Amino acid sequence: MIYIFSGMVKPEDDIKKPIEEHEAFIKKLNRVADTLENYKLFERITTGEYYRSRPKKFNPKETVDHYLIDQLKGLSDQLAHENTVEYRRKINSFVGRLIFTCYLIDREIISLNDYPILSEQKIRSLLDLFEQKSISKIRQCLTILFTTLKKDFNGSMF
C-alpha cells in the first residue's frame, strides 16, 4: 500500500490517529495496478516524454512566466520616457515594488486600510489608487506607502 501526502500541510503530532484522517493525507493506492499506473506516469513526467507527447499543452514559449515577462516588458516600455540603462533600472525598481506590494496585499500581510492617506480616500487596492485622477496624489500615496513598507519590512526592495 502506498499513501500519498501533501508536503504543503504541517504534519500532525498525533501518531495514533488513522492515516486517512491526517490533514496532509491525499490518497491511498490499494492495488498494484494503481501503483504501476502512477509509477509509469511519474516516469513519463520525469523523462519528459509526457510533455513531448502533448506539445500544445506544454509549449515552453507559452509558459505563464514568459507571458508575465512579456507583460512586464510592455509596462516598462510604456513607462519609459528615456531608454537609458539608469532610467530602465528606476522603472524596473518601481515595478518590482508594485509587485511586492501586490503580494503583501494579496497574502493579507498588509491592508491598505492601515495607511491613513489611503483609507481616507477609500483606496482598497492599488488599482483603486491608479484610478485616481491626480498624478501628484498617486505619487504622494506611493511615496508614503513605499517609505512605510521599507521601514516595516527592513529590506532593500524599497
N, C-alpha and C. Protein backbone atom coordinates (compact mmCIF):
# COMPACT_ATOMS: atom_id res chain seq x y z
N MET A 1 0.82 -1.17 0.00
CA MET A 1 0.00 0.00 0.00
C MET A 1 0.88 1.25 0.00
N ILE A 2 0.48 2.23 -0.77
CA ILE A 2 1.22 3.49 -0.83
C ILE A 2 0.27 4.60 -0.40
N TYR A 3 0.78 5.46 0.49
CA TYR A 3 -0.01 6.61 0.94
C TYR A 3 0.63 7.87 0.37
N ILE A 4 -0.20 8.72 -0.19
CA ILE A 4 0.27 9.98 -0.76
C ILE A 4 -0.13 11.11 0.20
N PHE A 5 0.86 11.94 0.55
CA PHE A 5 0.64 13.06 1.45
C PHE A 5 1.10 14.35 0.78
N SER A 6 0.48 15.45 1.14
CA SER A 6 0.91 16.76 0.68
C SER A 6 2.10 17.22 1.50
N GLY A 7 3.09 17.75 0.83
CA GLY A 7 4.23 18.32 1.52
C GLY A 7 3.98 19.77 1.90
N MET A 8 2.75 20.25 1.67
CA MET A 8 2.43 21.65 1.95
C MET A 8 1.43 21.78 3.09
N VAL A 9 1.35 20.73 3.90
CA VAL A 9 0.48 20.75 5.07
C VAL A 9 1.35 20.35 6.26
N LYS A 10 1.25 21.12 7.33
CA LYS A 10 2.04 20.85 8.52
C LYS A 10 1.71 19.46 9.06
N PRO A 11 2.74 18.65 9.35
CA PRO A 11 2.49 17.32 9.90
C PRO A 11 1.80 17.41 11.26
N GLU A 12 1.00 16.41 11.53
CA GLU A 12 0.29 16.38 12.82
C GLU A 12 1.14 15.65 13.85
N ASP A 13 0.94 15.99 15.12
CA ASP A 13 1.67 15.35 16.20
C ASP A 13 1.06 14.03 16.62
N ASP A 14 -0.22 13.83 16.34
CA ASP A 14 -0.94 12.64 16.79
C ASP A 14 -0.62 11.45 15.89
N ILE A 15 0.35 10.63 16.33
CA ILE A 15 0.75 9.49 15.51
C ILE A 15 -0.21 8.31 15.65
N LYS A 16 -1.10 8.37 16.62
CA LYS A 16 -2.08 7.29 16.82
C LYS A 16 -3.31 7.46 15.94
N LYS A 17 -3.48 8.63 15.39
CA LYS A 17 -4.62 8.93 14.53
C LYS A 17 -4.52 8.09 13.26
N PRO A 18 -5.63 7.58 12.75
CA PRO A 18 -5.58 6.82 11.49
C PRO A 18 -5.00 7.68 10.36
N ILE A 19 -4.21 7.07 9.53
CA ILE A 19 -3.50 7.79 8.46
C ILE A 19 -4.45 8.61 7.61
N GLU A 20 -5.58 8.03 7.25
CA GLU A 20 -6.52 8.72 6.37
C GLU A 20 -7.14 9.97 7.00
N GLU A 21 -7.02 10.15 8.29
CA GLU A 21 -7.58 11.32 8.97
C GLU A 21 -6.59 12.47 9.11
N HIS A 22 -5.35 12.25 8.74
CA HIS A 22 -4.36 13.32 8.82
C HIS A 22 -4.65 14.38 7.76
N GLU A 23 -4.41 15.63 8.11
CA GLU A 23 -4.69 16.75 7.20
C GLU A 23 -3.92 16.65 5.89
N ALA A 24 -2.70 16.12 5.93
CA ALA A 24 -1.86 16.07 4.74
C ALA A 24 -2.19 14.88 3.83
N PHE A 25 -3.02 13.95 4.31
CA PHE A 25 -3.34 12.76 3.53
C PHE A 25 -4.08 13.14 2.25
N ILE A 26 -3.64 12.56 1.13
CA ILE A 26 -4.28 12.82 -0.15
C ILE A 26 -4.96 11.58 -0.70
N LYS A 27 -4.18 10.49 -0.80
CA LYS A 27 -4.72 9.32 -1.48
C LYS A 27 -4.00 8.06 -1.01
N LYS A 28 -4.74 6.97 -1.01
CA LYS A 28 -4.18 5.66 -0.70
C LYS A 28 -4.27 4.81 -1.96
N LEU A 29 -3.15 4.28 -2.38
CA LEU A 29 -3.13 3.41 -3.56
C LEU A 29 -3.21 1.96 -3.07
N ASN A 30 -4.34 1.34 -3.37
CA ASN A 30 -4.57 -0.01 -2.87
C ASN A 30 -4.06 -1.10 -3.79
N ARG A 31 -4.29 -0.92 -5.05
CA ARG A 31 -4.00 -2.01 -5.98
C ARG A 31 -2.65 -1.83 -6.62
N VAL A 32 -2.07 -2.95 -6.98
CA VAL A 32 -0.80 -2.92 -7.68
C VAL A 32 -0.95 -2.19 -9.01
N ALA A 33 -2.09 -2.36 -9.66
CA ALA A 33 -2.33 -1.69 -10.94
C ALA A 33 -2.28 -0.18 -10.79
N ASP A 34 -2.90 0.35 -9.72
CA ASP A 34 -2.84 1.79 -9.47
C ASP A 34 -1.41 2.24 -9.28
N THR A 35 -0.67 1.45 -8.51
CA THR A 35 0.72 1.79 -8.22
C THR A 35 1.54 1.78 -9.50
N LEU A 36 1.36 0.75 -10.30
CA LEU A 36 2.10 0.65 -11.56
C LEU A 36 1.74 1.79 -12.50
N GLU A 37 0.45 2.10 -12.59
CA GLU A 37 0.00 3.19 -13.45
C GLU A 37 0.60 4.53 -13.00
N ASN A 38 0.58 4.78 -11.71
CA ASN A 38 1.15 6.02 -11.18
C ASN A 38 2.67 6.05 -11.36
N TYR A 39 3.31 4.90 -11.21
CA TYR A 39 4.75 4.84 -11.41
C TYR A 39 5.10 5.17 -12.86
N LYS A 40 4.34 4.60 -13.79
CA LYS A 40 4.58 4.88 -15.21
C LYS A 40 4.36 6.36 -15.52
N LEU A 41 3.31 6.95 -14.96
CA LEU A 41 3.05 8.37 -15.16
C LEU A 41 4.22 9.19 -14.61
N PHE A 42 4.66 8.87 -13.42
CA PHE A 42 5.79 9.58 -12.81
C PHE A 42 7.03 9.45 -13.69
N GLU A 43 7.29 8.25 -14.20
CA GLU A 43 8.44 8.02 -15.06
C GLU A 43 8.33 8.84 -16.35
N ARG A 44 7.14 8.89 -16.94
CA ARG A 44 6.93 9.66 -18.16
C ARG A 44 7.12 11.16 -17.90
N ILE A 45 6.71 11.62 -16.73
CA ILE A 45 6.89 13.03 -16.38
C ILE A 45 8.37 13.34 -16.18
N THR A 46 9.07 12.49 -15.42
CA THR A 46 10.48 12.78 -15.12
C THR A 46 11.37 12.67 -16.33
N THR A 47 11.04 11.84 -17.30
CA THR A 47 11.86 11.72 -18.51
C THR A 47 11.50 12.78 -19.54
N GLY A 48 10.36 13.45 -19.35
CA GLY A 48 9.93 14.48 -20.29
C GLY A 48 9.03 13.95 -21.39
N GLU A 49 8.86 12.64 -21.46
CA GLU A 49 8.04 12.05 -22.52
C GLU A 49 6.60 12.53 -22.43
N TYR A 50 6.11 12.70 -21.22
CA TYR A 50 4.73 13.16 -21.01
C TYR A 50 4.52 14.53 -21.67
N TYR A 51 5.49 15.41 -21.51
CA TYR A 51 5.40 16.75 -22.08
C TYR A 51 5.56 16.74 -23.60
N ARG A 52 6.51 15.92 -24.07
CA ARG A 52 6.74 15.84 -25.52
C ARG A 52 5.53 15.28 -26.26
N SER A 53 4.77 14.41 -25.60
CA SER A 53 3.61 13.80 -26.26
C SER A 53 2.41 14.75 -26.29
N ARG A 54 2.51 15.88 -25.61
CA ARG A 54 1.44 16.89 -25.57
C ARG A 54 2.03 18.28 -25.83
N PRO A 55 2.63 18.49 -27.00
CA PRO A 55 3.34 19.76 -27.23
C PRO A 55 2.45 20.99 -27.17
N LYS A 56 1.17 20.87 -27.51
CA LYS A 56 0.28 22.04 -27.45
C LYS A 56 0.00 22.44 -26.01
N LYS A 57 0.03 21.48 -25.12
CA LYS A 57 -0.24 21.77 -23.70
C LYS A 57 1.00 22.25 -22.96
N PHE A 58 2.19 21.94 -23.50
CA PHE A 58 3.43 22.26 -22.80
C PHE A 58 4.43 22.95 -23.71
N ASN A 59 4.00 24.03 -24.34
CA ASN A 59 4.87 24.81 -25.21
C ASN A 59 5.72 25.73 -24.34
N PRO A 60 7.04 25.54 -24.35
CA PRO A 60 7.90 26.35 -23.49
C PRO A 60 7.81 27.85 -23.76
N LYS A 61 7.40 28.22 -24.97
CA LYS A 61 7.29 29.64 -25.30
C LYS A 61 5.97 30.24 -24.84
N GLU A 62 5.07 29.41 -24.36
CA GLU A 62 3.75 29.87 -23.92
C GLU A 62 3.56 29.73 -22.41
N THR A 63 4.64 29.62 -21.67
CA THR A 63 4.51 29.44 -20.23
C THR A 63 4.02 30.74 -19.57
N VAL A 64 3.50 30.58 -18.39
CA VAL A 64 2.98 31.73 -17.64
C VAL A 64 4.10 32.73 -17.37
N ASP A 65 5.30 32.24 -17.06
CA ASP A 65 6.39 33.18 -16.78
C ASP A 65 6.80 33.97 -18.02
N HIS A 66 6.75 33.34 -19.20
CA HIS A 66 7.03 34.10 -20.44
C HIS A 66 5.97 35.18 -20.65
N TYR A 67 4.72 34.82 -20.43
CA TYR A 67 3.63 35.78 -20.57
C TYR A 67 3.82 36.94 -19.60
N LEU A 68 4.13 36.62 -18.35
CA LEU A 68 4.34 37.66 -17.34
C LEU A 68 5.50 38.57 -17.72
N ILE A 69 6.59 37.99 -18.16
CA ILE A 69 7.75 38.80 -18.56
C ILE A 69 7.40 39.70 -19.74
N ASP A 70 6.65 39.17 -20.71
CA ASP A 70 6.22 40.00 -21.84
C ASP A 70 5.36 41.16 -21.37
N GLN A 71 4.46 40.90 -20.43
CA GLN A 71 3.60 41.95 -19.90
C GLN A 71 4.42 43.00 -19.13
N LEU A 72 5.38 42.54 -18.35
CA LEU A 72 6.23 43.46 -17.60
C LEU A 72 7.10 44.30 -18.54
N LYS A 73 7.60 43.69 -19.59
CA LYS A 73 8.38 44.44 -20.58
C LYS A 73 7.50 45.49 -21.25
N GLY A 74 6.26 45.12 -21.57
CA GLY A 74 5.34 46.09 -22.17
C GLY A 74 5.07 47.25 -21.24
N LEU A 75 4.89 46.95 -19.95
CA LEU A 75 4.67 48.01 -18.96
C LEU A 75 5.91 48.91 -18.88
N SER A 76 7.07 48.30 -18.83
CA SER A 76 8.31 49.06 -18.77
C SER A 76 8.45 49.96 -20.00
N ASP A 77 8.12 49.42 -21.16
CA ASP A 77 8.20 50.21 -22.40
C ASP A 77 7.24 51.40 -22.35
N GLN A 78 6.05 51.20 -21.81
CA GLN A 78 5.07 52.30 -21.72
C GLN A 78 5.52 53.37 -20.74
N LEU A 79 6.20 52.95 -19.68
CA LEU A 79 6.63 53.92 -18.67
C LEU A 79 7.92 54.64 -19.07
N ALA A 80 8.66 54.09 -20.01
CA ALA A 80 9.97 54.64 -20.37
C ALA A 80 9.84 55.90 -21.22
N HIS A 81 10.23 57.01 -20.62
CA HIS A 81 10.30 58.26 -21.37
C HIS A 81 11.70 58.39 -21.97
N GLU A 82 12.63 57.72 -21.34
CA GLU A 82 14.01 57.68 -21.82
C GLU A 82 14.42 56.21 -21.89
N ASN A 83 15.23 55.87 -22.86
CA ASN A 83 15.65 54.49 -22.99
C ASN A 83 17.11 54.36 -22.58
N THR A 84 17.42 54.82 -21.36
CA THR A 84 18.77 54.69 -20.83
C THR A 84 18.78 53.58 -19.79
N VAL A 85 19.95 53.05 -19.53
CA VAL A 85 20.09 51.97 -18.55
C VAL A 85 19.62 52.46 -17.17
N GLU A 86 20.03 53.64 -16.79
CA GLU A 86 19.67 54.18 -15.47
C GLU A 86 18.15 54.36 -15.34
N TYR A 87 17.53 54.89 -16.37
CA TYR A 87 16.08 55.10 -16.34
C TYR A 87 15.35 53.77 -16.29
N ARG A 88 15.82 52.78 -17.06
CA ARG A 88 15.20 51.44 -17.03
C ARG A 88 15.35 50.81 -15.65
N ARG A 89 16.47 51.02 -14.99
CA ARG A 89 16.65 50.49 -13.63
C ARG A 89 15.61 51.08 -12.67
N LYS A 90 15.38 52.37 -12.81
CA LYS A 90 14.38 53.02 -11.96
C LYS A 90 12.99 52.45 -12.22
N ILE A 91 12.67 52.25 -13.48
CA ILE A 91 11.36 51.68 -13.85
C ILE A 91 11.23 50.26 -13.29
N ASN A 92 12.27 49.44 -13.50
CA ASN A 92 12.22 48.06 -13.01
C ASN A 92 12.12 48.01 -11.48
N SER A 93 12.79 48.93 -10.81
CA SER A 93 12.70 49.01 -9.36
C SER A 93 11.27 49.36 -8.93
N PHE A 94 10.68 50.32 -9.60
CA PHE A 94 9.30 50.73 -9.30
C PHE A 94 8.33 49.56 -9.52
N VAL A 95 8.46 48.88 -10.66
CA VAL A 95 7.58 47.75 -10.96
C VAL A 95 7.78 46.63 -9.93
N GLY A 96 9.02 46.39 -9.54
CA GLY A 96 9.29 45.38 -8.51
C GLY A 96 8.62 45.72 -7.19
N ARG A 97 8.66 46.99 -6.81
CA ARG A 97 7.98 47.43 -5.58
C ARG A 97 6.48 47.21 -5.68
N LEU A 98 5.93 47.52 -6.84
CA LEU A 98 4.48 47.31 -7.04
C LEU A 98 4.12 45.83 -6.92
N ILE A 99 4.92 44.98 -7.55
CA ILE A 99 4.64 43.54 -7.49
C ILE A 99 4.74 43.04 -6.06
N PHE A 100 5.77 43.46 -5.34
CA PHE A 100 5.93 43.04 -3.95
C PHE A 100 4.78 43.55 -3.10
N THR A 101 4.35 44.78 -3.33
CA THR A 101 3.22 45.34 -2.59
C THR A 101 1.94 44.56 -2.89
N CYS A 102 1.74 44.21 -4.15
CA CYS A 102 0.57 43.37 -4.52
C CYS A 102 0.61 42.04 -3.79
N TYR A 103 1.79 41.45 -3.72
CA TYR A 103 1.96 40.18 -2.99
C TYR A 103 1.56 40.36 -1.52
N LEU A 104 2.06 41.42 -0.90
CA LEU A 104 1.75 41.66 0.52
C LEU A 104 0.25 41.84 0.73
N ILE A 105 -0.40 42.53 -0.20
CA ILE A 105 -1.85 42.77 -0.10
C ILE A 105 -2.61 41.47 -0.35
N ASP A 106 -2.25 40.74 -1.41
CA ASP A 106 -2.95 39.50 -1.75
C ASP A 106 -2.84 38.45 -0.64
N ARG A 107 -1.69 38.40 0.01
CA ARG A 107 -1.48 37.43 1.10
C ARG A 107 -2.00 37.93 2.43
N GLU A 108 -2.61 39.12 2.38
CA GLU A 108 -3.17 39.76 3.57
C GLU A 108 -2.12 39.98 4.66
N ILE A 109 -0.89 40.24 4.21
CA ILE A 109 0.18 40.60 5.14
C ILE A 109 0.02 42.05 5.53
N ILE A 110 -0.44 42.85 4.57
CA ILE A 110 -0.78 44.25 4.85
C ILE A 110 -2.17 44.53 4.31
N SER A 111 -2.76 45.59 4.83
CA SER A 111 -4.04 46.08 4.31
C SER A 111 -3.88 47.57 4.05
N LEU A 112 -4.35 48.02 2.92
CA LEU A 112 -4.23 49.44 2.60
C LEU A 112 -5.07 50.28 3.55
N ASN A 113 -6.02 49.66 4.22
CA ASN A 113 -6.81 50.38 5.23
C ASN A 113 -5.96 50.85 6.40
N ASP A 114 -4.80 50.22 6.59
CA ASP A 114 -3.92 50.59 7.70
C ASP A 114 -3.09 51.84 7.41
N TYR A 115 -3.22 52.38 6.22
CA TYR A 115 -2.47 53.56 5.83
C TYR A 115 -3.45 54.73 5.69
N PRO A 116 -3.42 55.67 6.65
CA PRO A 116 -4.42 56.75 6.68
C PRO A 116 -4.58 57.49 5.36
N ILE A 117 -3.50 57.78 4.68
CA ILE A 117 -3.62 58.53 3.43
C ILE A 117 -4.44 57.76 2.39
N LEU A 118 -4.41 56.44 2.46
CA LEU A 118 -5.17 55.61 1.53
C LEU A 118 -6.59 55.34 2.03
N SER A 119 -6.72 55.05 3.32
CA SER A 119 -8.05 54.74 3.86
C SER A 119 -8.97 55.96 3.83
N GLU A 120 -8.41 57.16 4.00
CA GLU A 120 -9.23 58.38 3.94
C GLU A 120 -9.88 58.55 2.57
N GLN A 121 -9.22 58.06 1.54
CA GLN A 121 -9.73 58.19 0.17
C GLN A 121 -10.45 56.91 -0.28
N LYS A 122 -10.67 55.99 0.67
CA LYS A 122 -11.34 54.72 0.39
C LYS A 122 -10.63 53.91 -0.69
N ILE A 123 -9.31 53.95 -0.65
CA ILE A 123 -8.50 53.16 -1.59
C ILE A 123 -8.26 51.81 -0.95
N ARG A 124 -8.78 50.76 -1.56
CA ARG A 124 -8.69 49.40 -1.02
C ARG A 124 -7.67 48.54 -1.77
N SER A 125 -7.27 49.00 -2.97
CA SER A 125 -6.32 48.23 -3.77
C SER A 125 -5.43 49.19 -4.55
N LEU A 126 -4.37 48.67 -5.09
CA LEU A 126 -3.50 49.51 -5.93
C LEU A 126 -4.24 49.95 -7.18
N LEU A 127 -5.14 49.12 -7.67
CA LEU A 127 -5.94 49.52 -8.83
C LEU A 127 -6.77 50.75 -8.50
N ASP A 128 -7.39 50.76 -7.31
CA ASP A 128 -8.14 51.94 -6.88
C ASP A 128 -7.24 53.18 -6.87
N LEU A 129 -6.01 52.98 -6.40
CA LEU A 129 -5.07 54.10 -6.33
C LEU A 129 -4.76 54.64 -7.72
N PHE A 130 -4.49 53.74 -8.67
CA PHE A 130 -4.12 54.17 -10.01
C PHE A 130 -5.29 54.73 -10.81
N GLU A 131 -6.48 54.52 -10.32
CA GLU A 131 -7.65 55.11 -10.98
C GLU A 131 -7.91 56.54 -10.52
N GLN A 132 -7.11 57.02 -9.58
CA GLN A 132 -7.23 58.40 -9.12
C GLN A 132 -6.89 59.35 -10.27
N LYS A 133 -7.49 60.50 -10.27
CA LYS A 133 -7.29 61.47 -11.35
C LYS A 133 -5.96 62.22 -11.24
N SER A 134 -5.51 62.43 -10.03
CA SER A 134 -4.34 63.27 -9.80
C SER A 134 -3.06 62.44 -9.74
N ILE A 135 -2.16 62.69 -10.69
CA ILE A 135 -0.86 62.01 -10.71
C ILE A 135 -0.07 62.36 -9.45
N SER A 136 -0.15 63.60 -9.02
CA SER A 136 0.61 64.00 -7.82
C SER A 136 0.07 63.28 -6.58
N LYS A 137 -1.24 63.04 -6.52
CA LYS A 137 -1.83 62.32 -5.39
C LYS A 137 -1.37 60.86 -5.40
N ILE A 138 -1.34 60.26 -6.59
CA ILE A 138 -0.86 58.88 -6.72
C ILE A 138 0.60 58.80 -6.27
N ARG A 139 1.41 59.74 -6.75
CA ARG A 139 2.82 59.76 -6.38
C ARG A 139 2.99 59.94 -4.87
N GLN A 140 2.20 60.83 -4.26
CA GLN A 140 2.28 61.07 -2.82
C GLN A 140 1.91 59.80 -2.06
N CYS A 141 0.83 59.15 -2.46
CA CYS A 141 0.39 57.92 -1.78
C CYS A 141 1.44 56.82 -1.89
N LEU A 142 2.00 56.64 -3.10
CA LEU A 142 3.00 55.59 -3.29
C LEU A 142 4.27 55.89 -2.50
N THR A 143 4.66 57.14 -2.45
CA THR A 143 5.85 57.52 -1.70
C THR A 143 5.68 57.18 -0.22
N ILE A 144 4.54 57.53 0.34
CA ILE A 144 4.26 57.23 1.75
C ILE A 144 4.19 55.72 1.96
N LEU A 145 3.47 55.03 1.08
CA LEU A 145 3.32 53.58 1.20
C LEU A 145 4.68 52.89 1.11
N PHE A 146 5.47 53.20 0.09
CA PHE A 146 6.77 52.55 -0.09
C PHE A 146 7.74 52.88 1.05
N THR A 147 7.71 54.12 1.54
CA THR A 147 8.57 54.51 2.66
C THR A 147 8.22 53.72 3.91
N THR A 148 6.93 53.57 4.16
CA THR A 148 6.47 52.81 5.33
C THR A 148 6.82 51.33 5.19
N LEU A 149 6.61 50.78 4.00
CA LEU A 149 6.93 49.37 3.78
C LEU A 149 8.42 49.11 3.92
N LYS A 150 9.25 50.04 3.45
CA LYS A 150 10.69 49.90 3.60
C LYS A 150 11.07 49.83 5.07
N LYS A 151 10.46 50.68 5.86
CA LYS A 151 10.73 50.69 7.30
C LYS A 151 10.20 49.43 7.96
N ASP A 152 8.96 49.05 7.64
CA ASP A 152 8.32 47.89 8.27
C ASP A 152 9.00 46.58 7.91
N PHE A 153 9.44 46.44 6.66
CA PHE A 153 10.00 45.17 6.22
C PHE A 153 11.52 45.17 6.15
N ASN A 154 12.14 46.30 6.52
CA ASN A 154 13.57 46.40 6.68
C ASN A 154 14.33 45.73 5.53
N GLY A 155 13.90 46.04 4.32
CA GLY A 155 14.53 45.39 3.18
C GLY A 155 14.99 46.37 2.14
N SER A 156 15.67 45.83 1.16
CA SER A 156 16.20 46.67 0.10
C SER A 156 15.22 46.78 -1.07
N MET A 157 14.08 46.12 -1.00
CA MET A 157 13.10 46.16 -2.10
C MET A 157 12.61 47.58 -2.31
N PHE A 158 12.55 48.37 -1.25
CA PHE A 158 12.01 49.72 -1.36
C PHE A 158 13.11 50.74 -1.22
